[in-house]
Amino acid sequence: MPTSNLKTQSKLPKVGTTIFSVMSQLATEHNAVNLSQGFPDFEPEQSLKNLISECIHKSYNQYAPMPGIMPLRERIAEKTARLYNANYHPDTEITITAGGTQAIFTAIAAVIKEGDEVIVFEPAYDCYIPTIQLFGGIARMVQMEPPNFKIDWGIVKKLITNKTKLIILNSPHNPSGSILSEKDIKELINITKNTDILILSDEVYEHLIFDGETHHSMAKYPELAERSFIVASFGKILHATGWKIGYCLAPTNLMTEFRKVHQFNVFSVNTPFQYAIAEYLKDENTYLQLGLFYQQKRDYFAKLLQSTKFKLLPVKGSYFQTVSFAYYSDETDLDFAKRLTIDYKVASVPVSAFYTNGEDYKLLRFCFAKQEKTLELAVNNLLKL
């Protein structure tokens, strides 16, 4: 292919390759234990894989309906009603998406236009701000700080203007593992009351809640549900992030706008997998037991890490453990993460990558959604520090 001299103008000039890809590639190059990118290293249940095979052989292999197959949307409606006492109509208020990130992108695309302002809490998952910018929006960042990563609602109130269109929330939170409290919900209700401000609630880790805590879904609160896009992920529920299947909940007026974009983005999602998941979710234990399952992994990994030079920050949800190395090294978190990967064969993600300004609190994020032998190997390597 010859070199092109055509002049083009990037719509995202400051955006490079995501840190997750960078660290995973570095892990591969140096044969390191990959605790950077958030994916399990164990398989989905065999019964689920059998169901997928059956659905393929039953010839569920052509386009699904644009919003998703009805049996899966009905199952999601049942699940949401059971967990949050919230009634979403499967025909008009639930859409199956190609993963959580596509749902986030589509929701932002559906409502953000040139000059609209969006409040984002940092550290933040890295797709939020580029998507806002792609559609001409302006991100207004509220910085959360370690160790507890709590929201300063006083700052939020000061940022609200007549241009504020959307607030993006993520609980359980990636990368910190913090969760929204009842107090946070009350503040959010008060701030949005009598406004047209919308909410995009990233709840992909909704079932990964620990220590008897409660997941405060926007779906539980009518005042918030009426203005919210709620995003969820089957990848997190089924230990199958590579399948890229998620969904979005929203009231009919918002979902109508969501589907206008969705139909021209991916149109529809993997058909046989949808049928298999619909059947699999008939057993509610497939998701009700996830909190305990991952809490045991969190506790096992934390116990191992106590012998290392890292200070562990609290984790109330998700499958990430954030650690501090501040008292051990004055390196930047990116340099330290790269050195860990190259010299000690353990890959992590530097938390500064989740801040627009690159704020460096000397924190790393490890994924503990791994087999015990993987976590043991990683910590044995870290003990050599």
Protein backbone atom coordinates (compact mmCIF):
# COMPACT_ATOMS: atom_id res chain seq x y z
CA MET A 1 0.00 0.00 0.00
CA PRO A 2 1.59 3.35 -0.97
CA THR A 3 1.94 6.10 1.62
CA SER A 4 -1.00 8.49 1.48
CA ASN A 5 -0.37 12.23 1.40
CA LEU A 6 -4.04 13.07 1.83
CA LYS A 7 -4.69 15.63 4.53
CA THR A 8 -7.15 14.50 7.18
CA GLN A 9 -8.17 16.07 10.45
CA SER A 10 -8.57 13.76 13.41
CA LYS A 11 -11.80 14.04 15.38
CA LEU A 12 -9.93 12.70 18.42
CA PRO A 13 -6.41 14.15 18.05
CA LYS A 14 -5.40 13.48 21.67
CA VAL A 15 -6.59 9.87 21.74
CA GLY A 16 -4.10 7.05 21.30
CA THR A 17 -4.22 3.32 21.93
CA THR A 18 -6.08 2.42 25.12
CA ILE A 19 -3.90 1.64 28.15
CA PHE A 20 -5.54 -1.78 28.43
CA SER A 21 -4.26 -2.78 25.01
CA VAL A 22 -0.83 -1.29 25.73
CA MET A 23 -0.35 -3.22 28.98
CA SER A 24 -1.80 -6.47 27.63
CA GLN A 25 0.54 -6.30 24.64
CA LEU A 26 3.49 -5.63 26.96
CA ALA A 27 2.43 -8.63 29.06
CA THR A 28 2.38 -10.83 25.97
CA GLU A 29 5.77 -9.59 24.78
CA HIS A 30 7.41 -10.31 28.14
CA ASN A 31 5.46 -13.44 29.07
CA ALA A 32 4.05 -11.72 32.14
CA VAL A 33 1.04 -12.69 34.26
CA ASN A 34 -1.67 -10.41 32.88
CA LEU A 35 -3.60 -8.79 35.73
CA SER A 36 -4.05 -5.60 33.71
CA GLN A 37 -7.01 -6.01 31.37
CA GLY A 38 -10.26 -6.95 33.11
CA PHE A 39 -11.08 -10.45 31.96
CA PRO A 40 -11.27 -13.86 33.70
CA ASP A 41 -8.75 -16.57 32.87
CA PHE A 42 -11.31 -19.30 33.57
CA GLU A 43 -14.08 -20.64 31.37
CA PRO A 44 -17.83 -20.00 31.37
CA GLU A 45 -19.98 -22.86 32.67
CA GLN A 46 -19.96 -25.90 30.40
CA SER A 47 -23.75 -25.98 30.47
CA LEU A 48 -23.82 -22.50 28.92
CA LYS A 49 -21.36 -23.49 26.20
CA ASN A 50 -23.53 -26.53 25.49
CA LEU A 51 -26.57 -24.28 25.15
CA ILE A 52 -24.74 -22.09 22.62
CA SER A 53 -23.79 -25.13 20.59
CA GLU A 54 -27.40 -26.32 20.65
CA CYS A 55 -28.67 -22.93 19.51
CA ILE A 56 -26.20 -22.84 16.63
CA HIS A 57 -27.34 -26.31 15.53
CA LYS A 58 -30.99 -25.24 15.84
CA SER A 59 -30.20 -22.70 13.11
CA TYR A 60 -30.55 -19.54 15.20
CA ASN A 61 -27.89 -18.07 12.94
CA GLN A 62 -29.47 -15.17 11.07
CA TYR A 63 -30.15 -11.59 12.15
CA ALA A 64 -31.83 -11.14 15.49
CA PRO A 65 -34.47 -8.40 15.79
CA MET A 66 -32.82 -5.00 16.11
CA PRO A 67 -33.65 -4.60 19.86
CA GLY A 68 -32.72 -8.22 20.65
CA ILE A 69 -34.73 -11.43 20.83
CA MET A 70 -37.85 -11.17 22.95
CA PRO A 71 -37.09 -14.16 25.26
CA LEU A 72 -33.86 -12.49 26.42
CA ARG A 73 -35.49 -9.09 26.89
CA GLU A 74 -38.24 -10.76 28.90
CA ARG A 75 -35.66 -12.49 31.07
CA ILE A 76 -33.91 -9.17 31.72
CA ALA A 77 -37.25 -7.56 32.63
CA GLU A 78 -37.94 -10.37 35.12
CA LYS A 79 -34.45 -10.05 36.61
CA THR A 80 -34.72 -6.26 36.97
CA ALA A 81 -38.15 -6.49 38.59
CA ARG A 82 -36.93 -9.15 41.04
CA LEU A 83 -33.76 -7.28 42.04
CA TYR A 84 -34.86 -3.65 41.97
CA ASN A 85 -38.67 -3.74 42.01
CA ALA A 86 -38.57 -1.87 38.70
CA ASN A 87 -40.77 -2.65 35.73
CA TYR A 88 -39.20 -2.21 32.29
CA HIS A 89 -41.27 -3.19 29.28
CA PRO A 90 -39.30 -5.71 27.22
CA ASP A 91 -40.76 -4.42 23.96
CA THR A 92 -39.96 -0.71 24.33
CA GLU A 93 -37.51 -0.24 27.21
CA ILE A 94 -34.81 -2.94 26.86
CA THR A 95 -32.26 -3.28 24.06
CA ILE A 96 -29.56 -5.94 23.65
CA THR A 97 -26.18 -4.46 22.71
CA ALA A 98 -22.78 -5.61 21.51
CA GLY A 99 -21.31 -5.26 25.00
CA GLY A 100 -21.44 -2.53 27.62
CA THR A 101 -19.11 -0.16 25.78
CA GLN A 102 -21.34 -0.10 22.70
CA ALA A 103 -24.32 0.68 24.92
CA ILE A 104 -22.41 3.58 26.53
CA PHE A 105 -21.35 4.91 23.12
CA THR A 106 -24.88 4.66 21.76
CA ALA A 107 -26.48 6.40 24.74
CA ILE A 108 -24.05 9.32 24.50
CA ALA A 109 -24.49 9.51 20.73
CA ALA A 110 -28.27 9.57 21.13
CA VAL A 111 -28.44 12.62 23.39
CA ILE A 112 -25.25 14.69 23.19
CA LYS A 113 -24.90 17.46 20.62
CA GLU A 114 -22.44 20.30 20.05
CA GLY A 115 -21.87 22.33 23.22
CA ASP A 116 -23.70 20.03 25.63
CA GLU A 117 -21.91 19.54 28.95
CA VAL A 118 -21.46 16.15 30.61
CA ILE A 119 -20.32 15.59 34.18
CA VAL A 120 -17.82 12.75 34.50
CA PHE A 121 -16.30 11.41 37.71
CA GLU A 122 -12.60 10.58 37.48
CA PRO A 123 -10.84 8.20 37.57
CA ALA A 124 -13.13 7.10 34.72
CA TYR A 125 -13.41 4.23 32.28
CA ASP A 126 -11.62 5.46 29.20
CA CYS A 127 -14.48 5.37 26.67
CA TYR A 128 -16.62 8.09 28.30
CA ILE A 129 -14.76 11.28 27.47
CA PRO A 130 -13.65 10.47 23.88
CA THR A 131 -17.25 9.57 23.01
CA ILE A 132 -18.53 12.84 24.49
CA GLN A 133 -15.95 14.74 22.45
CA LEU A 134 -16.74 12.80 19.30
CA PHE A 135 -20.27 14.24 19.34
CA GLY A 136 -19.22 17.78 20.20
CA GLY A 137 -19.94 17.59 23.92
CA ILE A 138 -17.82 19.08 26.68
CA ALA A 139 -16.73 16.88 29.59
CA ARG A 140 -16.73 18.52 33.03
CA MET A 141 -14.58 16.39 35.33
CA VAL A 142 -15.10 15.86 39.05
CA GLN A 143 -12.00 14.32 40.58
CA MET A 144 -12.32 11.57 43.17
CA GLU A 145 -9.32 10.87 45.36
CA PRO A 146 -7.88 7.82 47.11
CA PRO A 147 -8.30 5.93 49.30
CA ASN A 148 -12.13 5.94 49.22
CA PHE A 149 -12.90 7.74 45.92
CA LYS A 150 -15.97 9.50 47.26
CA ILE A 151 -17.93 12.05 45.21
CA ASP A 152 -17.77 15.68 46.37
CA TRP A 153 -21.33 16.73 45.58
CA GLY A 154 -20.53 20.34 46.42
CA ILE A 155 -18.26 20.44 43.37
CA VAL A 156 -20.94 18.76 41.27
CA LYS A 157 -23.47 21.45 42.19
CA LYS A 158 -21.04 24.18 41.13
CA LEU A 159 -20.58 22.54 37.73
CA ILE A 160 -24.29 22.33 36.93
CA THR A 161 -25.31 24.91 34.31
CA ASN A 162 -28.12 25.30 31.79
CA LYS A 163 -25.85 23.43 29.38
CA THR A 164 -25.56 20.33 31.58
CA LYS A 165 -27.15 17.51 29.61
CA LEU A 166 -25.84 14.32 31.19
CA ILE A 167 -24.21 12.90 34.32
CA ILE A 168 -22.23 9.67 33.92
CA LEU A 169 -21.98 7.36 36.91
CA ASN A 170 -20.21 4.03 37.38
CA SER A 171 -20.94 1.79 40.37
CA PRO A 172 -19.33 -0.53 41.29
CA HIS A 173 -16.54 1.67 40.09
CA ASN A 174 -13.73 0.83 37.72
CA PRO A 175 -10.87 1.17 38.66
CA SER A 176 -11.31 1.88 42.38
CA GLY A 177 -13.89 -0.72 43.44
CA SER A 178 -15.89 1.92 45.34
CA ILE A 179 -19.69 1.96 45.26
CA LEU A 180 -22.44 4.57 45.47
CA SER A 181 -24.03 4.99 48.89
CA GLU A 182 -27.57 5.90 49.90
CA LYS A 183 -26.29 9.40 50.63
CA ASP A 184 -24.96 9.65 47.07
CA ILE A 185 -28.37 8.67 45.73
CA LYS A 186 -30.11 11.35 47.80
CA GLU A 187 -27.66 13.98 46.55
CA LEU A 188 -28.20 12.87 42.95
CA ILE A 189 -31.99 13.05 43.32
CA ASN A 190 -31.77 16.56 44.77
CA ILE A 191 -29.40 17.79 42.06
CA THR A 192 -31.45 16.48 39.14
CA LYS A 193 -34.91 17.26 40.55
CA ASN A 194 -36.88 19.71 38.38
CA THR A 195 -34.22 19.60 35.64
CA ASP A 196 -33.90 17.92 32.24
CA ILE A 197 -30.52 16.42 33.15
CA LEU A 198 -30.13 12.82 32.03
CA ILE A 199 -28.09 10.05 33.68
CA LEU A 200 -25.94 7.37 32.08
CA SER A 201 -25.39 4.71 34.74
CA ASP A 202 -22.64 2.20 33.96
CA GLU A 203 -23.64 -0.80 36.10
CA VAL A 204 -21.71 -3.58 34.39
CA TYR A 205 -20.40 -4.84 37.76
CA GLU A 206 -23.84 -4.73 39.43
CA HIS A 207 -23.62 -8.28 40.80
CA LEU A 208 -20.05 -7.96 42.07
CA ILE A 209 -20.87 -6.34 45.43
CA PHE A 210 -19.07 -7.40 48.60
CA ASP A 211 -19.35 -7.39 52.39
CA GLY A 212 -23.14 -7.33 52.47
CA GLU A 213 -23.30 -3.95 50.74
CA THR A 214 -26.19 -2.95 48.47
CA HIS A 215 -26.03 -2.06 44.80
CA HIS A 216 -27.90 1.21 44.36
CA SER A 217 -29.09 0.84 40.78
CA MET A 218 -30.77 3.83 39.18
CA ALA A 219 -33.61 1.39 38.45
CA LYS A 220 -34.51 1.29 42.17
CA TYR A 221 -35.36 4.98 42.33
CA PRO A 222 -38.25 6.23 40.12
CA GLU A 223 -36.94 9.82 40.22
CA LEU A 224 -33.68 8.61 38.71
CA ALA A 225 -34.97 5.78 36.53
CA GLU A 226 -37.14 8.19 34.55
CA ARG A 227 -34.03 10.04 33.34
CA SER A 228 -31.52 7.16 33.14
CA PHE A 229 -29.86 4.94 30.59
CA ILE A 230 -28.70 1.89 32.59
CA VAL A 231 -25.95 -0.21 31.02
CA ALA A 232 -25.20 -3.83 31.97
CA SER A 233 -22.90 -6.56 30.66
CA PHE A 234 -23.36 -10.30 30.24
CA GLY A 235 -19.59 -10.58 29.87
CA LYS A 236 -19.23 -9.88 33.60
CA ILE A 237 -22.08 -12.20 34.59
CA LEU A 238 -21.05 -15.15 32.43
CA HIS A 239 -17.22 -14.90 32.68
CA ALA A 240 -17.15 -14.37 28.92
CA THR A 241 -15.99 -10.84 28.11
CA GLY A 242 -15.09 -11.86 24.56
CA TRP A 243 -18.70 -12.54 23.65
CA LYS A 244 -19.43 -8.78 23.82
CA ILE A 245 -23.09 -8.93 24.74
CA GLY A 246 -24.75 -6.43 27.07
CA TYR A 247 -27.95 -4.44 27.31
CA CYS A 248 -29.43 -1.07 28.06
CA LEU A 249 -32.51 -0.16 30.11
CA ALA A 250 -34.28 3.17 29.67
CA PRO A 251 -37.80 4.62 29.70
CA THR A 252 -39.55 4.48 26.33
CA ASN A 253 -38.83 8.07 25.25
CA LEU A 254 -35.09 7.64 25.89
CA MET A 255 -34.95 4.14 24.44
CA THR A 256 -36.59 5.38 21.25
CA GLU A 257 -33.65 7.74 20.74
CA PHE A 258 -31.17 5.05 21.77
CA ARG A 259 -32.50 2.65 19.13
CA LYS A 260 -32.31 5.29 16.41
CA VAL A 261 -28.53 5.18 16.83
CA HIS A 262 -28.26 1.49 17.68
CA GLN A 263 -29.93 0.40 14.43
CA PHE A 264 -27.26 2.15 12.36
CA ASN A 265 -24.37 1.23 14.66
CA VAL A 266 -24.52 -2.56 15.05
CA PHE A 267 -28.20 -3.11 14.12
CA SER A 268 -28.43 -6.44 15.95
CA VAL A 269 -26.39 -8.73 18.17
CA ASN A 270 -25.16 -12.35 17.99
CA THR A 271 -28.34 -14.44 17.62
CA PRO A 272 -27.49 -17.94 18.94
CA PHE A 273 -25.77 -16.48 22.00
CA GLN A 274 -28.88 -14.47 22.83
CA TYR A 275 -31.07 -17.57 22.79
CA ALA A 276 -28.56 -19.48 24.91
CA ILE A 277 -28.27 -16.72 27.50
CA ALA A 278 -32.06 -16.41 27.71
CA GLU A 279 -32.30 -20.08 28.61
CA TYR A 280 -29.32 -19.98 30.98
CA LEU A 281 -30.67 -17.05 32.99
CA LYS A 282 -33.78 -18.99 33.96
CA ASP A 283 -31.65 -20.08 36.94
CA GLU A 284 -31.26 -16.89 38.97
CA ASN A 285 -28.32 -18.38 40.88
CA THR A 286 -26.21 -17.74 37.79
CA TYR A 287 -26.00 -14.11 38.88
CA LEU A 288 -27.09 -14.12 42.55
CA GLN A 289 -23.99 -16.09 43.59
CA LEU A 290 -21.49 -13.88 41.77
CA GLY A 291 -20.90 -11.50 44.67
CA LEU A 292 -19.77 -14.27 46.99
CA PHE A 293 -17.74 -15.93 44.22
CA TYR A 294 -15.72 -12.78 43.53
CA GLN A 295 -15.53 -11.73 47.18
CA GLN A 296 -13.67 -14.96 47.86
CA LYS A 297 -11.25 -14.12 45.05
CA ARG A 298 -10.79 -10.58 46.37
CA ASP A 299 -10.06 -11.89 49.87
CA TYR A 300 -7.66 -14.57 48.62
CA PHE A 301 -5.73 -12.08 46.49
CA ALA A 302 -5.66 -9.50 49.31
CA LYS A 303 -4.26 -12.07 51.73
CA LEU A 304 -1.48 -12.90 49.27
CA LEU A 305 -0.71 -9.22 48.65
CA GLN A 306 -0.27 -8.50 52.34
CA SER A 307 3.20 -10.02 52.08
CA THR A 308 4.24 -7.59 49.33
CA LYS A 309 5.35 -3.96 49.47
CA PHE A 310 1.97 -2.66 48.33
CA LYS A 311 -0.67 -0.91 50.41
CA LEU A 312 -4.16 -2.17 49.58
CA LEU A 313 -7.04 0.26 49.09
CA PRO A 314 -10.61 -0.77 50.06
CA VAL A 315 -12.67 -2.69 47.47
CA LYS A 316 -16.46 -2.85 47.80
CA GLY A 317 -17.25 -4.12 44.31
CA SER A 318 -15.98 -4.94 40.77
CA TYR A 319 -13.12 -7.35 40.19
CA PHE A 320 -10.26 -4.93 40.64
CA GLN A 321 -7.87 -4.36 43.52
CA THR A 322 -6.17 -0.96 43.62
CA VAL A 323 -2.83 -0.75 45.42
CA SER A 324 -0.47 2.07 46.36
CA PHE A 325 3.30 1.99 45.93
CA ALA A 326 3.79 5.63 47.02
CA TYR A 327 6.03 4.91 50.01
CA TYR A 328 8.13 2.43 48.03
CA SER A 329 9.03 4.27 44.81
CA ASP A 330 8.88 7.77 43.37
CA GLU A 331 8.55 6.49 39.80
CA THR A 332 5.49 7.49 37.80
CA ASP A 333 2.79 4.86 37.93
CA LEU A 334 3.21 4.20 34.20
CA ASP A 335 6.96 3.67 34.53
CA PHE A 336 6.47 1.48 37.58
CA ALA A 337 3.76 -0.58 35.85
CA LYS A 338 6.01 -1.13 32.85
CA ARG A 339 8.93 -2.12 35.08
CA LEU A 340 6.74 -4.60 36.94
CA THR A 341 5.68 -6.13 33.63
CA ILE A 342 9.16 -6.34 32.11
CA ASP A 343 11.30 -7.16 35.15
CA TYR A 344 8.88 -8.97 37.46
CA LYS A 345 6.47 -10.47 34.91
CA VAL A 346 3.24 -9.04 36.34
CA ALA A 347 1.09 -6.65 34.29
CA SER A 348 -1.17 -4.05 35.90
CA VAL A 349 -2.80 -0.78 34.82
CA PRO A 350 -1.52 2.59 36.08
CA VAL A 351 -4.48 4.49 37.55
CA SER A 352 -3.28 7.83 36.11
CA ALA A 353 -4.60 6.53 32.76
CA PHE A 354 -8.12 6.98 34.17
CA TYR A 355 -7.59 10.73 34.77
CA THR A 356 -7.73 13.26 31.93
CA ASN A 357 -4.95 15.30 33.51
CA GLY A 358 -2.87 12.19 34.21
CA GLU A 359 -3.10 12.69 37.98
CA ASP A 360 -0.58 10.29 39.49
CA TYR A 361 -1.39 9.06 42.99
CA LYS A 362 1.08 6.19 42.50
CA LEU A 363 -1.64 3.59 42.25
CA LEU A 364 -1.91 0.40 40.20
CA ARG A 365 -5.01 -1.62 39.36
CA PHE A 366 -4.85 -5.42 39.42
CA CYS A 367 -7.64 -7.67 38.12
CA PHE A 368 -8.37 -10.57 40.50
CA ALA A 369 -10.87 -12.33 38.21
CA LYS A 370 -8.34 -15.13 37.87
CA GLN A 371 -7.71 -18.68 38.96
CA GLU A 372 -5.98 -19.05 42.32
CA LYS A 373 -2.85 -20.44 40.66
CA THR A 374 -2.66 -17.31 38.48
CA LEU A 375 -2.94 -15.01 41.50
CA GLU A 376 -0.34 -17.07 43.36
CA LEU A 377 2.11 -16.89 40.47
CA ALA A 378 1.64 -13.13 40.19
CA VAL A 379 2.20 -12.51 43.89
CA ASN A 380 5.24 -14.81 43.99
CA ASN A 381 6.74 -12.61 41.29
CA LEU A 382 5.79 -9.43 43.15
CA LEU A 383 7.49 -10.72 46.31
CA LYS A 384 10.78 -10.34 44.49
CA LEU A 385 10.44 -6.55 44.58
